[in-house]
Amino acid sequence: MVVRPRALAVGLGSALLAGALGVVAIGGGDFPMTPAQVVAALTGGGTPAERFIVTELRLPRVVTALLVGAALALAGALFQSLTRNPLGSPDLLGVSQGAAAGALLVVVAGGGTLALSAGALAGGVLTGAALYLLAWRRGLHGHRLILVGIGTTAILTGVNGYLLTRGELMEAARALLWLTGSLDGRGWEHALPLLAGLAVLVPLTIPGSALALRVTEMGDDLASGLGVRVHRLRLVLLTAAALLTSFAAATAGPVNFVALTAPQLAKRLTRSPGPNLVASMCVGAAVLVAADLAAQRLFGDRQLPVGVLTGVIGGGYLIWLLITERRAGRI
């Protein structure tokens, strides 16, 4: 295991920034609290009312934002490394849309919140499996996966639009809010399943794959010659990335562009080759907490769903990335 000081500093700095932003977010609301009061309540001090507000009403939302941001960033880093392309992202490859389709099917069938989350998880996993099968041809190559993913995204976007028209008015409105990506009303019942998913997937993904991914980025032939089982590695990591995306979508809806932007931001901050998986997770957590805080505070009494803000910022980043790749002659 190779530890790079700059990458370690970026990861620790992003984690501290995410924690500080979380404290600021917890302190806002109809009952404002100072950061000192928030920290005191988190450590068991303060009044009973402050502890209840912090631990039961506001902390679950912040924890959910941290976990969703970390999960999406890790999934994006895996996809970008597997495809060897900065455009590799579950948003653009159709996994997020597959999770949305699964959730919308539950809405049309009249299912509840728990069933909606299960539908999103199943839809994302099935879409990931379909991508693998459709893109496989004597191996799984990045450009083919991206092209298949773009086509899958277009198809699922149309399917999702149709499913919205088939639901009852109130259920369709609830589904539309979920489709924008929102952290409103998130409690421990939303955060804990995602935490369990990360607790299983992160140890299975990061320790054994970071070096192997760095080798595969230099080419399949070289990686195979050095003993890396390339096809098996891609199958396992594609499954893990699809699961991470699905868990995040089941928790907060398809929050767009975090998976695209966080790994690239981590790569530029660390100036390090390779997937930068840990740094990407920390940066993703900080990005989503910052976006949720901005969505709550910047527009007065009208709070925006966090997916609206990440979509606007991420769309601008995507345009910039396309222009940069075109100037470099890579697209």
C-alpha atoms as a PDB file:
ATOM      1  CA  MET A   1       0.000   0.000   0.000  1.00  0.00           C
ATOM      2  CA  VAL A   2       1.442   3.335  -1.111  1.00  0.00           C
ATOM      3  CA  VAL A   3       0.598   6.422   0.938  1.00  0.00           C
ATOM      4  CA  ARG A   4       1.161   9.758  -0.781  1.00  0.00           C
ATOM      5  CA  PRO A   5       1.501  12.703   1.627  1.00  0.00           C
ATOM      6  CA  ARG A   6      -0.398  15.164  -0.568  1.00  0.00           C
ATOM      7  CA  ALA A   7      -3.242  12.725  -1.154  1.00  0.00           C
ATOM      8  CA  LEU A   8      -3.393  12.027   2.584  1.00  0.00           C
ATOM      9  CA  ALA A   9      -3.479  15.754   3.338  1.00  0.00           C
ATOM     10  CA  VAL A  10      -6.274  16.324   0.794  1.00  0.00           C
ATOM     11  CA  GLY A  11      -8.305  13.477   2.270  1.00  0.00           C
ATOM     12  CA  LEU A  12      -7.885  14.669   5.854  1.00  0.00           C
ATOM     13  CA  GLY A  13      -8.515  18.296   4.898  1.00  0.00           C
ATOM     14  CA  SER A  14     -11.687  17.395   2.999  1.00  0.00           C
ATOM     15  CA  ALA A  15     -12.920  15.271   5.902  1.00  0.00           C
ATOM     16  CA  LEU A  16     -12.325  18.116   8.352  1.00  0.00           C
ATOM     17  CA  LEU A  17     -14.032  20.573   6.000  1.00  0.00           C
ATOM     18  CA  ALA A  18     -17.026  18.245   5.691  1.00  0.00           C
ATOM     19  CA  GLY A  19     -17.241  17.975   9.482  1.00  0.00           C
ATOM     20  CA  ALA A  20     -17.016  21.740   9.947  1.00  0.00           C
ATOM     21  CA  LEU A  21     -19.702  22.358   7.316  1.00  0.00           C
ATOM     22  CA  GLY A  22     -21.847  19.731   9.011  1.00  0.00           C
ATOM     23  CA  VAL A  23     -21.591  21.558  12.330  1.00  0.00           C
ATOM     24  CA  VAL A  24     -22.606  24.824  10.636  1.00  0.00           C
ATOM     25  CA  ALA A  25     -25.541  23.086   8.932  1.00  0.00           C
ATOM     26  CA  ILE A  26     -26.741  21.577  12.211  1.00  0.00           C
ATOM     27  CA  GLY A  27     -26.650  24.996  13.848  1.00  0.00           C
ATOM     28  CA  GLY A  28     -29.068  26.557  11.366  1.00  0.00           C
ATOM     29  CA  GLY A  29     -32.850  26.504  11.346  1.00  0.00           C
ATOM     30  CA  ASP A  30     -35.743  27.907  13.338  1.00  0.00           C
ATOM     31  CA  PHE A  31     -33.791  27.264  16.548  1.00  0.00           C
ATOM     32  CA  PRO A  32     -30.308  28.620  15.728  1.00  0.00           C
ATOM     33  CA  MET A  33     -27.304  27.313  17.622  1.00  0.00           C
ATOM     34  CA  THR A  34     -23.669  28.320  17.712  1.00  0.00           C
ATOM     35  CA  PRO A  35     -20.984  25.820  16.659  1.00  0.00           C
ATOM     36  CA  ALA A  36     -19.945  25.534  20.316  1.00  0.00           C
ATOM     37  CA  GLN A  37     -23.489  24.592  21.313  1.00  0.00           C
ATOM     38  CA  VAL A  38     -23.668  22.026  18.503  1.00  0.00           C
ATOM     39  CA  VAL A  39     -20.380  20.417  19.524  1.00  0.00           C
ATOM     40  CA  ALA A  40     -21.490  20.365  23.155  1.00  0.00           C
ATOM     41  CA  ALA A  41     -24.752  18.659  22.216  1.00  0.00           C
ATOM     42  CA  LEU A  42     -22.926  16.119  20.061  1.00  0.00           C
ATOM     43  CA  THR A  43     -20.622  15.221  22.957  1.00  0.00           C
ATOM     44  CA  GLY A  44     -23.449  14.788  25.449  1.00  0.00           C
ATOM     45  CA  GLY A  45     -23.540  18.319  26.878  1.00  0.00           C
ATOM     46  CA  GLY A  46     -26.008  21.148  26.490  1.00  0.00           C
ATOM     47  CA  THR A  47     -29.646  21.150  27.475  1.00  0.00           C
ATOM     48  CA  PRO A  48     -32.000  18.219  26.763  1.00  0.00           C
ATOM     49  CA  ALA A  49     -33.787  20.337  24.155  1.00  0.00           C
ATOM     50  CA  GLU A  50     -30.508  21.092  22.352  1.00  0.00           C
ATOM     51  CA  ARG A  51     -29.481  17.444  22.398  1.00  0.00           C
ATOM     52  CA  PHE A  52     -32.841  16.383  20.974  1.00  0.00           C
ATOM     53  CA  ILE A  53     -32.744  18.987  18.199  1.00  0.00           C
ATOM     54  CA  VAL A  54     -29.184  18.082  17.254  1.00  0.00           C
ATOM     55  CA  THR A  55     -29.187  14.289  17.499  1.00  0.00           C
ATOM     56  CA  GLU A  56     -32.745  13.498  16.433  1.00  0.00           C
ATOM     57  CA  LEU A  57     -33.785  16.292  14.078  1.00  0.00           C
ATOM     58  CA  ARG A  58     -30.702  17.704  12.344  1.00  0.00           C
ATOM     59  CA  LEU A  59     -27.819  15.259  12.668  1.00  0.00           C
ATOM     60  CA  PRO A  60     -29.470  12.502  10.551  1.00  0.00           C
ATOM     61  CA  ARG A  61     -29.721  14.840   7.561  1.00  0.00           C
ATOM     62  CA  VAL A  62     -26.060  15.815   7.788  1.00  0.00           C
ATOM     63  CA  VAL A  63     -24.938  12.208   8.258  1.00  0.00           C
ATOM     64  CA  THR A  64     -27.046  11.195   5.262  1.00  0.00           C
ATOM     65  CA  ALA A  65     -25.434  13.936   3.159  1.00  0.00           C
ATOM     66  CA  LEU A  66     -21.950  12.784   4.191  1.00  0.00           C
ATOM     67  CA  LEU A  67     -22.689   9.158   3.382  1.00  0.00           C
ATOM     68  CA  VAL A  68     -24.451   9.854   0.075  1.00  0.00           C
ATOM     69  CA  GLY A  69     -21.634  12.150  -1.054  1.00  0.00           C
ATOM     70  CA  ALA A  70     -18.987   9.578  -0.136  1.00  0.00           C
ATOM     71  CA  ALA A  71     -20.871   6.727  -1.840  1.00  0.00           C
ATOM     72  CA  LEU A  72     -21.454   8.653  -5.061  1.00  0.00           C
ATOM     73  CA  ALA A  73     -17.867   9.892  -5.199  1.00  0.00           C
ATOM     74  CA  LEU A  74     -16.475   6.391  -4.698  1.00  0.00           C
ATOM     75  CA  ALA A  75     -18.810   5.029  -7.388  1.00  0.00           C
ATOM     76  CA  GLY A  76     -17.745   7.812  -9.759  1.00  0.00           C
ATOM     77  CA  ALA A  77     -14.044   7.191  -9.099  1.00  0.00           C
ATOM     78  CA  LEU A  78     -14.525   3.489  -9.846  1.00  0.00           C
ATOM     79  CA  PHE A  79     -16.449   4.148 -13.063  1.00  0.00           C
ATOM     80  CA  GLN A  80     -13.930   6.727 -14.275  1.00  0.00           C
ATOM     81  CA  SER A  81     -11.033   4.397 -13.590  1.00  0.00           C
ATOM     82  CA  LEU A  82     -12.763   1.419 -15.211  1.00  0.00           C
ATOM     83  CA  THR A  83     -13.621   3.400 -18.342  1.00  0.00           C
ATOM     84  CA  ARG A  84     -10.345   5.401 -18.322  1.00  0.00           C
ATOM     85  CA  ASN A  85     -12.459   8.433 -19.089  1.00  0.00           C
ATOM     86  CA  PRO A  86     -13.349  11.481 -16.945  1.00  0.00           C
ATOM     87  CA  LEU A  87     -16.901  11.262 -18.352  1.00  0.00           C
ATOM     88  CA  GLY A  88     -17.417   7.857 -16.759  1.00  0.00           C
ATOM     89  CA  SER A  89     -20.119   8.448 -14.163  1.00  0.00           C
ATOM     90  CA  PRO A  90     -23.280   6.655 -13.028  1.00  0.00           C
ATOM     91  CA  ASP A  91     -25.212   9.796 -14.037  1.00  0.00           C
ATOM     92  CA  LEU A  92     -24.085   9.472 -17.659  1.00  0.00           C
ATOM     93  CA  LEU A  93     -23.952   5.663 -17.858  1.00  0.00           C
ATOM     94  CA  GLY A  94     -27.564   5.100 -16.856  1.00  0.00           C
ATOM     95  CA  VAL A  95     -27.199   3.558 -13.403  1.00  0.00           C
ATOM     96  CA  SER A  96     -28.841   6.518 -11.684  1.00  0.00           C
ATOM     97  CA  GLN A  97     -31.652   6.474 -14.233  1.00  0.00           C
ATOM     98  CA  GLY A  98     -32.094   2.747 -13.653  1.00  0.00           C
ATOM     99  CA  ALA A  99     -32.484   3.352  -9.937  1.00  0.00           C
ATOM    100  CA  ALA A 100     -35.039   6.053 -10.711  1.00  0.00           C
ATOM    101  CA  ALA A 101     -36.945   3.667 -12.976  1.00  0.00           C
ATOM    102  CA  GLY A 102     -37.123   1.058 -10.219  1.00  0.00           C
ATOM    103  CA  ALA A 103     -38.434   3.640  -7.772  1.00  0.00           C
ATOM    104  CA  LEU A 104     -41.022   4.935 -10.245  1.00  0.00           C
ATOM    105  CA  LEU A 105     -42.314   1.424 -10.866  1.00  0.00           C
ATOM    106  CA  VAL A 106     -42.963   1.177  -7.133  1.00  0.00           C
ATOM    107  CA  VAL A 107     -44.740   4.543  -7.193  1.00  0.00           C
ATOM    108  CA  VAL A 108     -47.008   3.427 -10.044  1.00  0.00           C
ATOM    109  CA  ALA A 109     -47.766   0.230  -8.124  1.00  0.00           C
ATOM    110  CA  GLY A 110     -48.707   2.268  -5.055  1.00  0.00           C
ATOM    111  CA  GLY A 111     -45.824   1.172  -2.813  1.00  0.00           C
ATOM    112  CA  GLY A 112     -44.610   3.014   0.284  1.00  0.00           C
ATOM    113  CA  THR A 113     -41.297   4.644   1.164  1.00  0.00           C
ATOM    114  CA  LEU A 114     -39.530   1.400   2.070  1.00  0.00           C
ATOM    115  CA  ALA A 115     -40.653  -0.235  -1.169  1.00  0.00           C
ATOM    116  CA  LEU A 116     -39.495   2.835  -3.113  1.00  0.00           C
ATOM    117  CA  SER A 117     -35.998   2.464  -1.679  1.00  0.00           C
ATOM    118  CA  ALA A 118     -35.972  -1.251  -2.480  1.00  0.00           C
ATOM    119  CA  GLY A 119     -37.138  -0.521  -6.033  1.00  0.00           C
ATOM    120  CA  ALA A 120     -34.369   2.039  -6.511  1.00  0.00           C
ATOM    121  CA  LEU A 121     -31.763  -0.435  -5.277  1.00  0.00           C
ATOM    122  CA  ALA A 122     -33.039  -3.195  -7.569  1.00  0.00           C
ATOM    123  CA  GLY A 123     -33.284  -0.864 -10.582  1.00  0.00           C
ATOM    124  CA  GLY A 124     -29.719   0.355 -10.215  1.00  0.00           C
ATOM    125  CA  VAL A 125     -28.284  -3.138  -9.817  1.00  0.00           C
ATOM    126  CA  LEU A 126     -30.218  -4.508 -12.801  1.00  0.00           C
ATOM    127  CA  THR A 127     -29.097  -1.573 -14.949  1.00  0.00           C
ATOM    128  CA  GLY A 128     -25.478  -2.187 -13.975  1.00  0.00           C
ATOM    129  CA  ALA A 129     -25.835  -5.846 -14.951  1.00  0.00           C
ATOM    130  CA  ALA A 130     -27.413  -4.867 -18.280  1.00  0.00           C
ATOM    131  CA  LEU A 131     -24.573  -2.432 -18.994  1.00  0.00           C
ATOM    132  CA  TYR A 132     -22.001  -5.150 -18.378  1.00  0.00           C
ATOM    133  CA  LEU A 133     -23.746  -7.655 -20.649  1.00  0.00           C
ATOM    134  CA  LEU A 134     -24.403  -5.180 -23.462  1.00  0.00           C
ATOM    135  CA  ALA A 135     -20.861  -3.754 -23.400  1.00  0.00           C
ATOM    136  CA  TRP A 136     -19.103  -7.112 -23.172  1.00  0.00           C
ATOM    137  CA  ARG A 137     -17.335  -8.267 -26.314  1.00  0.00           C
ATOM    138  CA  ARG A 138     -14.185 -10.272 -25.638  1.00  0.00           C
ATOM    139  CA  GLY A 139     -13.695  -7.989 -22.691  1.00  0.00           C
ATOM    140  CA  LEU A 140     -15.130  -4.794 -21.275  1.00  0.00           C
ATOM    141  CA  HIS A 141     -13.665  -1.639 -22.778  1.00  0.00           C
ATOM    142  CA  GLY A 142     -14.201   1.905 -21.558  1.00  0.00           C
ATOM    143  CA  HIS A 143     -15.414   3.608 -24.726  1.00  0.00           C
ATOM    144  CA  ARG A 144     -17.872   0.812 -25.474  1.00  0.00           C
ATOM    145  CA  LEU A 145     -19.224   0.997 -21.922  1.00  0.00           C
ATOM    146  CA  ILE A 146     -19.706   4.769 -22.212  1.00  0.00           C
ATOM    147  CA  LEU A 147     -21.528   4.483 -25.551  1.00  0.00           C
ATOM    148  CA  VAL A 148     -23.803   1.746 -24.240  1.00  0.00           C
ATOM    149  CA  GLY A 149     -24.364   3.786 -21.081  1.00  0.00           C
ATOM    150  CA  ILE A 150     -25.367   6.907 -23.010  1.00  0.00           C
ATOM    151  CA  GLY A 151     -27.898   4.889 -24.999  1.00  0.00           C
ATOM    152  CA  THR A 152     -29.211   3.272 -21.830  1.00  0.00           C
ATOM    153  CA  THR A 153     -29.570   6.689 -20.208  1.00  0.00           C
ATOM    154  CA  ALA A 154     -31.627   7.973 -23.131  1.00  0.00           C
ATOM    155  CA  ILE A 155     -33.930   4.950 -23.051  1.00  0.00           C
ATOM    156  CA  LEU A 156     -34.445   5.054 -19.290  1.00  0.00           C
ATOM    157  CA  THR A 157     -35.079   8.797 -19.328  1.00  0.00           C
ATOM    158  CA  GLY A 158     -37.985   8.207 -21.703  1.00  0.00           C
ATOM    159  CA  VAL A 159     -39.247   5.301 -19.603  1.00  0.00           C
ATOM    160  CA  ASN A 160     -39.129   7.415 -16.453  1.00  0.00           C
ATOM    161  CA  GLY A 161     -41.094  10.198 -18.120  1.00  0.00           C
ATOM    162  CA  TYR A 162     -43.763   7.713 -19.125  1.00  0.00           C
ATOM    163  CA  LEU A 163     -43.941   6.191 -15.635  1.00  0.00           C
ATOM    164  CA  LEU A 164     -44.479   9.640 -14.137  1.00  0.00           C
ATOM    165  CA  THR A 165     -47.564  10.064 -16.284  1.00  0.00           C
ATOM    166  CA  ARG A 166     -48.993   6.741 -15.076  1.00  0.00           C
ATOM    167  CA  GLY A 167     -48.898   7.462 -11.356  1.00  0.00           C
ATOM    168  CA  GLU A 168     -51.546   9.146  -9.235  1.00  0.00           C
ATOM    169  CA  LEU A 169     -51.161  12.916  -8.957  1.00  0.00           C
ATOM    170  CA  MET A 170     -49.971  12.979  -5.347  1.00  0.00           C
ATOM    171  CA  GLU A 171     -47.670   9.982  -5.820  1.00  0.00           C
ATOM    172  CA  ALA A 172     -46.251  11.462  -9.014  1.00  0.00           C
ATOM    173  CA  ALA A 173     -45.505  14.719  -7.175  1.00  0.00           C
ATOM    174  CA  ARG A 174     -43.717  12.772  -4.430  1.00  0.00           C
ATOM    175  CA  ALA A 175     -41.753  10.848  -7.033  1.00  0.00           C
ATOM    176  CA  LEU A 176     -40.816  14.051  -8.879  1.00  0.00           C
ATOM    177  CA  LEU A 177     -39.379  15.535  -5.682  1.00  0.00           C
ATOM    178  CA  TRP A 178     -37.439  12.326  -5.113  1.00  0.00           C
ATOM    179  CA  LEU A 179     -36.121  12.414  -8.699  1.00  0.00           C
ATOM    180  CA  THR A 180     -34.541  15.835  -8.146  1.00  0.00           C
ATOM    181  CA  GLY A 181     -32.457  14.462  -5.273  1.00  0.00           C
ATOM    182  CA  SER A 182     -33.440  15.718  -1.850  1.00  0.00           C
ATOM    183  CA  LEU A 183     -32.300  15.361   1.761  1.00  0.00           C
ATOM    184  CA  ASP A 184     -35.476  16.827   3.274  1.00  0.00           C
ATOM    185  CA  GLY A 185     -36.936  14.769   6.098  1.00  0.00           C
ATOM    186  CA  ARG A 186     -34.091  12.272   6.190  1.00  0.00           C
ATOM    187  CA  GLY A 187     -33.814  10.407   9.477  1.00  0.00           C
ATOM    188  CA  TRP A 188     -31.755   7.620  10.937  1.00  0.00           C
ATOM    189  CA  GLU A 189     -33.938   5.074   9.121  1.00  0.00           C
ATOM    190  CA  HIS A 190     -32.518   6.469   5.852  1.00  0.00           C
ATOM    191  CA  ALA A 191     -28.894   6.881   6.948  1.00  0.00           C
ATOM    192  CA  LEU A 192     -28.326   3.518   8.646  1.00  0.00           C
ATOM    193  CA  PRO A 193     -28.990   1.247   5.604  1.00  0.00           C
ATOM    194  CA  LEU A 194     -26.561   3.319   3.532  1.00  0.00           C
ATOM    195  CA  LEU A 195     -24.015   3.165   6.343  1.00  0.00           C
ATOM    196  CA  ALA A 196     -24.352  -0.612   6.402  1.00  0.00           C
ATOM    197  CA  GLY A 197     -23.879  -0.762   2.639  1.00  0.00           C
ATOM    198  CA  LEU A 198     -20.728   1.355   2.827  1.00  0.00           C
ATOM    199  CA  ALA A 199     -19.410  -0.718   5.722  1.00  0.00           C
ATOM    200  CA  VAL A 200     -19.567  -3.785   3.481  1.00  0.00           C
ATOM    201  CA  LEU A 201     -18.580  -2.318   0.103  1.00  0.00           C
ATOM    202  CA  VAL A 202     -15.727   0.014   1.092  1.00  0.00           C
ATOM    203  CA  PRO A 203     -13.520  -2.714   2.672  1.00  0.00           C
ATOM    204  CA  LEU A 204     -14.221  -4.948  -0.317  1.00  0.00           C
ATOM    205  CA  THR A 205     -13.388  -2.202  -2.812  1.00  0.00           C
ATOM    206  CA  ILE A 206     -10.557   0.029  -1.664  1.00  0.00           C
ATOM    207  CA  PRO A 207      -7.811  -2.092  -0.025  1.00  0.00           C
ATOM    208  CA  GLY A 208      -7.380  -4.623  -2.823  1.00  0.00           C
ATOM    209  CA  SER A 209      -8.282  -2.591  -5.896  1.00  0.00           C
ATOM    210  CA  ALA A 210      -6.531   0.775  -5.721  1.00  0.00           C
ATOM    211  CA  LEU A 211      -3.165  -0.527  -6.955  1.00  0.00           C
ATOM    212  CA  ALA A 212      -4.782  -2.887  -9.457  1.00  0.00           C
ATOM    213  CA  LEU A 213      -6.834  -0.046 -10.923  1.00  0.00           C
ATOM    214  CA  ARG A 214      -3.722   2.086 -11.252  1.00  0.00           C
ATOM    215  CA  VAL A 215      -2.071  -0.723 -13.216  1.00  0.00           C
ATOM    216  CA  THR A 216      -5.077  -1.323 -15.490  1.00  0.00           C
ATOM    217  CA  GLU A 217      -5.106   2.360 -16.441  1.00  0.00           C
ATOM    218  CA  MET A 218      -1.838   1.655 -18.281  1.00  0.00           C
ATOM    219  CA  GLY A 219      -3.487  -0.978 -20.485  1.00  0.00           C
ATOM    220  CA  ASP A 220      -5.042  -4.414 -20.240  1.00  0.00           C
ATOM    221  CA  ASP A 221      -2.055  -6.269 -21.706  1.00  0.00           C
ATOM    222  CA  LEU A 222       0.405  -4.768 -19.254  1.00  0.00           C
ATOM    223  CA  ALA A 223      -1.963  -5.343 -16.340  1.00  0.00           C
ATOM    224  CA  SER A 224      -2.488  -8.994 -17.321  1.00  0.00           C
ATOM    225  CA  GLY A 225       1.254  -9.448 -17.662  1.00  0.00           C
ATOM    226  CA  LEU A 226       1.692  -8.144 -14.114  1.00  0.00           C
ATOM    227  CA  GLY A 227      -0.813 -10.659 -12.759  1.00  0.00           C
ATOM    228  CA  VAL A 228      -3.990  -8.563 -12.586  1.00  0.00           C
ATOM    229  CA  ARG A 229      -7.168 -10.457 -13.505  1.00  0.00           C
ATOM    230  CA  VAL A 230      -8.555  -7.581 -15.528  1.00  0.00           C
ATOM    231  CA  HIS A 231     -11.981  -8.944 -16.472  1.00  0.00           C
ATOM    232  CA  ARG A 232     -12.680 -10.241 -12.974  1.00  0.00           C
ATOM    233  CA  LEU A 233     -11.568  -6.928 -11.476  1.00  0.00           C
ATOM    234  CA  ARG A 234     -13.908  -4.967 -13.757  1.00  0.00           C
ATOM    235  CA  LEU A 235     -16.856  -7.228 -12.997  1.00  0.00           C
ATOM    236  CA  VAL A 236     -16.393  -6.921  -9.238  1.00  0.00           C
ATOM    237  CA  LEU A 237     -15.819  -3.169  -9.255  1.00  0.00           C
ATOM    238  CA  LEU A 238     -18.644  -2.467 -11.698  1.00  0.00           C
ATOM    239  CA  THR A 239     -20.960  -4.396  -9.381  1.00  0.00           C
ATOM    240  CA  ALA A 240     -19.680  -2.460  -6.372  1.00  0.00           C
ATOM    241  CA  ALA A 241     -20.087   0.893  -8.157  1.00  0.00           C
ATOM    242  CA  ALA A 242     -23.640   0.026  -9.217  1.00  0.00           C
ATOM    243  CA  LEU A 243     -24.497  -0.996  -5.644  1.00  0.00           C
ATOM    244  CA  LEU A 244     -23.026   2.210  -4.217  1.00  0.00           C
ATOM    245  CA  THR A 245     -25.013   4.314  -6.676  1.00  0.00           C
ATOM    246  CA  SER A 246     -28.183   2.367  -5.958  1.00  0.00           C
ATOM    247  CA  PHE A 247     -27.820   2.677  -2.186  1.00  0.00           C
ATOM    248  CA  ALA A 248     -27.248   6.427  -2.528  1.00  0.00           C
ATOM    249  CA  ALA A 249     -30.253   6.816  -4.847  1.00  0.00           C
ATOM    250  CA  ALA A 250     -32.442   4.750  -2.534  1.00  0.00           C
ATOM    251  CA  THR A 251     -31.490   7.091   0.321  1.00  0.00           C
ATOM    252  CA  ALA A 252     -31.670  10.557  -1.252  1.00  0.00           C
ATOM    253  CA  GLY A 253     -32.790  10.102  -4.843  1.00  0.00           C
ATOM    254  CA  PRO A 254     -30.510  10.439  -7.883  1.00  0.00           C
ATOM    255  CA  VAL A 255     -28.355  13.401  -6.804  1.00  0.00           C
ATOM    256  CA  ASN A 256     -26.699  14.344 -10.076  1.00  0.00           C
ATOM    257  CA  PHE A 257     -23.087  15.121 -10.941  1.00  0.00           C
ATOM    258  CA  VAL A 258     -21.485  14.506  -7.521  1.00  0.00           C
ATOM    259  CA  ALA A 259     -20.122  11.226  -8.879  1.00  0.00           C
ATOM    260  CA  LEU A 260     -18.758  13.081 -11.913  1.00  0.00           C
ATOM    261  CA  THR A 261     -17.167  16.084 -10.254  1.00  0.00           C
ATOM    262  CA  ALA A 262     -15.825  14.817  -6.908  1.00  0.00           C
ATOM    263  CA  PRO A 263     -13.254  12.315  -8.316  1.00  0.00           C
ATOM    264  CA  GLN A 264     -11.956  14.880 -10.799  1.00  0.00           C
ATOM    265  CA  LEU A 265     -11.685  17.518  -8.084  1.00  0.00           C
ATOM    266  CA  ALA A 266      -9.828  15.038  -5.859  1.00  0.00           C
ATOM    267  CA  LYS A 267      -7.471  14.148  -8.704  1.00  0.00           C
ATOM    268  CA  ARG A 268      -6.603  17.795  -9.306  1.00  0.00           C
ATOM    269  CA  LEU A 269      -6.112  18.490  -5.612  1.00  0.00           C
ATOM    270  CA  THR A 270      -3.930  15.443  -4.961  1.00  0.00           C
ATOM    271  CA  ARG A 271      -2.014  15.700  -8.258  1.00  0.00           C
ATOM    272  CA  SER A 272      -1.658  11.972  -7.949  1.00  0.00           C
ATOM    273  CA  PRO A 273      -2.122   9.251 -10.586  1.00  0.00           C
ATOM    274  CA  GLY A 274      -4.580   6.490 -10.053  1.00  0.00           C
ATOM    275  CA  PRO A 275      -8.191   6.408  -8.877  1.00  0.00           C
ATOM    276  CA  ASN A 276      -7.701   8.351  -5.575  1.00  0.00           C
ATOM    277  CA  LEU A 277     -10.552   6.412  -3.995  1.00  0.00           C
ATOM    278  CA  VAL A 278     -10.227   7.579  -0.382  1.00  0.00           C
ATOM    279  CA  ALA A 279      -9.604  11.214  -1.324  1.00  0.00           C
ATOM    280  CA  SER A 280     -12.603  11.095  -3.685  1.00  0.00           C
ATOM    281  CA  MET A 281     -14.855   9.856  -0.889  1.00  0.00           C
ATOM    282  CA  CYS A 282     -13.788  12.677   1.427  1.00  0.00           C
ATOM    283  CA  VAL A 283     -14.153  15.307  -1.299  1.00  0.00           C
ATOM    284  CA  GLY A 284     -17.582  13.936  -2.267  1.00  0.00           C
ATOM    285  CA  ALA A 285     -18.799  14.112   1.320  1.00  0.00           C
ATOM    286  CA  ALA A 286     -17.620  17.725   1.621  1.00  0.00           C
ATOM    287  CA  VAL A 287     -19.151  18.697  -1.732  1.00  0.00           C
ATOM    288  CA  LEU A 288     -22.604  17.333  -0.924  1.00  0.00           C
ATOM    289  CA  VAL A 289     -22.718  18.826   2.589  1.00  0.00           C
ATOM    290  CA  ALA A 290     -21.658  22.194   1.154  1.00  0.00           C
ATOM    291  CA  ALA A 291     -24.283  21.951  -1.606  1.00  0.00           C
ATOM    292  CA  ASP A 292     -27.022  21.053   0.885  1.00  0.00           C
ATOM    293  CA  LEU A 293     -26.004  23.915   3.172  1.00  0.00           C
ATOM    294  CA  ALA A 294     -26.060  26.342   0.237  1.00  0.00           C
ATOM    295  CA  ALA A 295     -29.435  25.025  -0.933  1.00  0.00           C
ATOM    296  CA  GLN A 296     -30.858  25.719   2.538  1.00  0.00           C
ATOM    297  CA  ARG A 297     -29.321  29.161   3.139  1.00  0.00           C
ATOM    298  CA  LEU A 298     -28.837  30.994  -0.172  1.00  0.00           C
ATOM    299  CA  PHE A 299     -32.446  31.358  -1.293  1.00  0.00           C
ATOM    300  CA  GLY A 300     -34.169  32.728   1.779  1.00  0.00           C
ATOM    301  CA  ASP A 301     -37.192  30.830   3.001  1.00  0.00           C
ATOM    302  CA  ARG A 302     -37.426  28.794  -0.223  1.00  0.00           C
ATOM    303  CA  GLN A 303     -35.145  25.842   0.309  1.00  0.00           C
ATOM    304  CA  LEU A 304     -34.032  24.022  -2.831  1.00  0.00           C
ATOM    305  CA  PRO A 305     -33.597  20.259  -3.169  1.00  0.00           C
ATOM    306  CA  VAL A 306     -29.877  19.621  -3.121  1.00  0.00           C
ATOM    307  CA  GLY A 307     -30.065  17.858  -6.496  1.00  0.00           C
ATOM    308  CA  VAL A 308     -31.106  21.108  -8.181  1.00  0.00           C
ATOM    309  CA  LEU A 309     -27.949  22.882  -7.027  1.00  0.00           C
ATOM    310  CA  THR A 310     -25.597  19.988  -7.824  1.00  0.00           C
ATOM    311  CA  GLY A 311     -27.243  19.665 -11.240  1.00  0.00           C
ATOM    312  CA  VAL A 312     -26.681  23.320 -12.124  1.00  0.00           C
ATOM    313  CA  ILE A 313     -23.076  23.347 -10.911  1.00  0.00           C
ATOM    314  CA  GLY A 314     -22.300  19.903 -12.305  1.00  0.00           C
ATOM    315  CA  GLY A 315     -23.782  20.775 -15.692  1.00  0.00           C
ATOM    316  CA  GLY A 316     -21.472  23.761 -15.943  1.00  0.00           C
ATOM    317  CA  TYR A 317     -18.540  21.578 -14.951  1.00  0.00           C
ATOM    318  CA  LEU A 318     -19.482  18.995 -17.598  1.00  0.00           C
ATOM    319  CA  ILE A 319     -19.476  21.671 -20.322  1.00  0.00           C
ATOM    320  CA  TRP A 320     -16.064  22.890 -19.145  1.00  0.00           C
ATOM    321  CA  LEU A 321     -14.753  19.303 -19.086  1.00  0.00           C
ATOM    322  CA  LEU A 322     -15.975  18.629 -22.630  1.00  0.00           C
ATOM    323  CA  ILE A 323     -14.309  21.812 -23.897  1.00  0.00           C
ATOM    324  CA  THR A 324     -11.067  20.875 -22.141  1.00  0.00           C
ATOM    325  CA  GLU A 325     -11.081  17.316 -23.522  1.00  0.00           C
ATOM    326  CA  ARG A 326     -11.795  18.604 -27.021  1.00  0.00           C
ATOM    327  CA  ARG A 327      -8.905  21.089 -26.881  1.00  0.00           C
ATOM    328  CA  ALA A 328      -6.627  18.273 -25.711  1.00  0.00           C
ATOM    329  CA  GLY A 329      -7.713  16.178 -28.687  1.00  0.00           C
ATOM    330  CA  ARG A 330      -9.133  13.333 -26.608  1.00  0.00           C
ATOM    331  CA  ILE A 331     -12.690  13.655 -27.971  1.00  0.00           C
END
